[in-house]
Protein backbone atom coordinates (compact mmCIF):
# COMPACT_ATOMS: atom_id res chain seq x y z
CA MET A 1 72.32 119.44 102.24
CA ARG A 2 69.35 119.06 99.99
CA ALA A 3 69.84 122.62 98.70
CA ALA A 4 73.49 121.94 97.83
CA SER A 5 72.63 118.83 95.81
CA PHE A 6 69.85 120.75 94.06
CA ALA A 7 72.34 123.50 93.12
CA VAL A 8 74.80 120.94 91.72
CA ALA A 9 72.06 119.28 89.68
CA LEU A 10 70.95 122.67 88.36
CA LEU A 11 74.53 123.51 87.27
CA LEU A 12 74.93 120.17 85.52
CA ALA A 13 71.64 120.60 83.68
CA ALA A 14 72.62 124.10 82.56
CA GLY A 15 76.01 122.83 81.33
CA THR A 16 74.52 120.06 79.19
CA GLY A 17 72.28 122.55 77.42
CA ALA A 18 75.28 124.63 76.44
CA PHE A 19 77.03 121.59 75.00
CA ALA A 20 73.95 120.58 73.01
CA ALA A 21 73.77 124.02 71.38
CA THR A 22 77.45 123.98 70.33
CA PRO A 23 77.91 122.57 66.82
CA ALA A 24 80.39 119.75 66.33
CA PRO A 25 83.65 120.82 64.71
CA LYS A 26 83.98 119.94 61.04
CA PRO A 27 86.86 117.62 60.18
CA THR A 28 89.38 119.37 57.95
CA GLN A 29 92.28 118.01 56.00
CA PRO A 30 95.68 119.32 57.05
CA PRO A 31 97.29 121.47 54.37
CA ARG A 32 99.48 119.54 51.95
CA ILE A 33 103.12 120.53 51.88
CA ASP A 34 104.96 120.26 48.58
CA ILE A 35 108.37 119.13 49.76
CA LEU A 36 109.97 120.09 46.44
CA LYS A 37 108.95 123.72 46.96
CA ALA A 38 109.94 123.76 50.64
CA GLN A 39 113.36 122.22 50.06
CA PRO A 40 116.04 124.66 48.92
CA LYS A 41 117.25 123.57 45.51
CA SER A 42 120.73 124.86 46.23
CA LEU A 43 121.26 121.89 48.59
CA ALA A 44 120.38 119.28 45.97
CA PRO A 45 123.13 117.70 43.85
CA LYS A 46 123.58 119.35 40.46
CA LYS A 47 124.51 116.21 38.48
CA ALA A 48 122.78 112.90 37.87
CA LEU A 49 123.74 110.19 40.34
CA HIS A 50 123.65 106.40 39.97
CA VAL A 51 124.40 103.73 42.57
CA GLU A 52 123.87 99.95 42.54
CA TYR A 53 123.69 97.47 45.42
CA THR A 54 123.68 93.69 45.06
CA VAL A 55 121.69 92.29 48.00
CA GLU A 56 120.53 88.96 49.40
CA VAL A 57 116.90 88.47 50.45
CA ASN A 58 115.60 86.16 53.23
CA LYS A 59 112.29 84.24 53.35
CA LEU A 60 110.39 87.36 54.50
CA GLY A 61 111.65 89.47 51.61
CA GLN A 62 113.96 91.51 53.87
CA VAL A 63 117.40 92.45 52.68
CA ALA A 64 119.69 90.22 54.73
CA ARG A 65 123.01 91.62 53.55
CA VAL A 66 124.60 93.80 50.92
CA ARG A 67 127.09 91.87 48.77
CA THR A 68 128.52 94.58 46.50
CA ILE A 69 128.27 98.31 45.96
CA LYS A 70 128.92 100.38 42.84
CA PRO A 71 129.11 103.87 44.39
CA SER A 72 128.13 107.17 42.82
CA HIS A 73 131.10 109.05 44.35
CA ASP A 74 128.71 111.30 46.28
CA ALA A 75 129.10 110.17 49.90
CA SER A 76 125.82 111.69 51.09
CA PHE A 77 123.74 110.09 48.33
CA ASP A 78 125.52 106.75 48.80
CA ALA A 79 124.85 106.79 52.57
CA LYS A 80 121.15 107.57 52.13
CA THR A 81 120.60 104.92 49.49
CA TYR A 82 122.61 102.36 51.50
CA GLY A 83 120.33 102.94 54.49
CA ASN A 84 117.30 102.56 52.22
CA ALA A 85 118.71 99.34 50.72
CA LEU A 86 119.28 97.82 54.18
CA GLN A 87 115.64 98.47 55.12
CA ALA A 88 114.13 97.26 51.84
CA PHE A 89 111.60 94.46 51.45
CA ILE A 90 111.58 92.87 48.00
CA ARG A 91 108.45 90.99 47.01
CA THR A 92 106.41 90.28 43.91
CA PRO A 93 103.27 92.38 43.26
CA ASP A 94 101.10 89.61 44.75
CA GLY A 95 103.19 89.59 47.97
CA GLN A 96 105.23 86.44 47.34
CA VAL A 97 108.96 86.25 48.09
CA VAL A 98 111.49 84.91 45.59
CA LEU A 99 114.62 83.97 47.52
CA GLY A 100 117.77 85.08 45.81
CA THR A 101 120.17 87.85 44.94
CA TYR A 102 118.85 91.15 43.65
CA ARG A 103 120.31 94.35 42.26
CA LEU A 104 118.89 97.57 43.73
CA ILE A 105 119.51 100.51 41.41
CA TYR A 106 119.08 104.12 42.54
CA ASP A 107 119.07 106.94 39.97
CA TYR A 108 118.85 110.63 40.92
CA ASP A 109 117.56 113.15 38.36
CA PRO A 110 118.71 116.73 39.11
CA LYS A 111 115.96 118.24 36.92
CA SER A 112 113.06 116.67 38.81
CA LEU A 113 114.96 116.28 42.14
CA ARG A 114 113.61 112.72 42.39
CA VAL A 115 115.24 109.36 43.06
CA ARG A 116 114.07 106.30 41.13
CA ARG A 117 114.66 102.81 42.52
CA ASP A 118 114.63 99.71 40.34
CA VAL A 119 114.85 96.08 41.47
CA VAL A 120 116.25 93.33 39.25
CA LEU A 121 116.51 89.64 40.14
CA VAL A 122 120.12 88.57 39.51
CA LYS A 123 119.87 84.93 40.63
CA ALA A 124 117.11 82.93 42.29
CA GLY A 125 118.18 80.81 45.26
CA GLY A 126 121.63 80.40 46.75
CA VAL A 127 120.89 82.43 49.92
CA ASP A 128 120.07 81.56 53.53
CA PRO A 129 116.26 81.76 53.87
CA GLU A 130 116.55 81.88 57.68
CA ALA A 131 118.98 84.83 57.73
CA LYS A 132 117.94 87.82 59.83
CA GLY A 133 117.12 91.01 58.02
CA ALA A 134 119.94 93.55 58.06
CA ALA A 135 117.81 96.25 59.69
CA THR A 136 116.53 93.81 62.34
CA GLU A 137 120.06 92.71 63.16
CA MET A 138 121.27 96.31 63.48
CA MET A 139 118.40 97.11 65.86
CA GLU A 140 119.27 94.09 68.03
CA ILE A 141 122.90 95.24 68.20
CA ALA A 142 121.78 98.73 69.18
CA ARG A 143 119.55 97.35 71.94
CA ARG A 144 122.38 95.17 73.32
CA ASN A 145 124.82 98.09 73.31
CA HIS A 146 122.38 100.61 74.74
CA ASP A 147 123.98 100.44 78.20
CA ARG A 148 127.51 100.71 76.80
CA THR A 149 127.09 104.05 75.10
CA PRO A 150 127.63 107.11 77.27
CA PRO A 151 124.64 109.41 77.73
CA PRO A 152 124.69 112.61 75.71
CA VAL A 153 126.24 115.55 77.50
CA SER A 154 123.65 118.30 77.84
CA GLY A 155 124.42 121.98 77.93
CA VAL A 156 127.95 121.61 76.57
CA THR A 157 128.58 122.64 73.01
CA PRO A 158 131.86 121.87 71.35
CA GLY A 159 133.90 124.88 70.44
CA PRO A 160 137.43 126.06 70.05
CA ALA A 161 139.61 126.02 73.14
CA PRO A 162 140.43 129.48 74.45
CA SER A 163 143.81 130.72 73.29
CA VAL A 164 144.41 132.68 76.50
CA ASN A 165 144.12 131.82 80.17
CA ILE A 166 140.70 133.18 81.16
CA LYS A 167 141.69 133.44 84.82
CA ARG A 168 144.53 135.82 83.95
CA MET A 169 142.52 138.11 81.68
CA PRO A 170 142.45 141.79 82.68
CA ASP A 171 139.44 143.34 84.35
CA LEU A 172 136.91 145.02 82.03
CA GLN A 173 137.54 148.43 83.64
CA GLN A 174 141.25 148.14 82.90
CA VAL A 175 140.52 147.42 79.26
CA MET A 176 138.01 150.26 78.91
CA HIS A 177 140.12 152.86 80.77
CA PRO A 178 143.71 151.79 80.57
CA SER A 179 146.11 153.14 83.11
CA PRO A 180 148.91 155.35 81.78
CA SER A 181 151.84 153.30 80.64
CA PRO A 182 154.91 153.55 82.82
CA SER A 183 157.69 155.73 81.54
CA PRO A 184 161.01 154.09 80.81
CA ARG A 185 163.56 154.37 83.56
CA SER A 186 166.79 156.06 82.82
């Protein structure tokens, strides 16, 4: 018994020496990815886009609701900017909230492939300071309806329905080596 414990102690002592001789790894920065170079430019819109949302802000600076939309007539761009507008927090540079109605303006430049967002105060006051943020309210609805949505079907991919009855299809051997066609009866 004493020999076994001595052997274990010897192994542990040998292992700690190996760890002490190993240098610590140097921290390295992950490589930066330029998203503009990685993104295919053929997918980006070719013309300048402009969309405006008039929104109400609650006491936390969250967008509580969207009042009006002036669309850009590009459904994809409008959907992305609408989602961004619903999640926006609007505050002053020092972190204060000015309750009121704001205009969120999104401009897309096809030359630089960038979107610029501007915020303009339309009217101070006149909104419900206790209103829930739009994004918060949507998350609560999603949590409540979680049990109502059917689970995703795995392993089934949608596709066209077969145009022929698969059970009545000929055998592969018949297709590869067709039997001679019957001669017409006289």
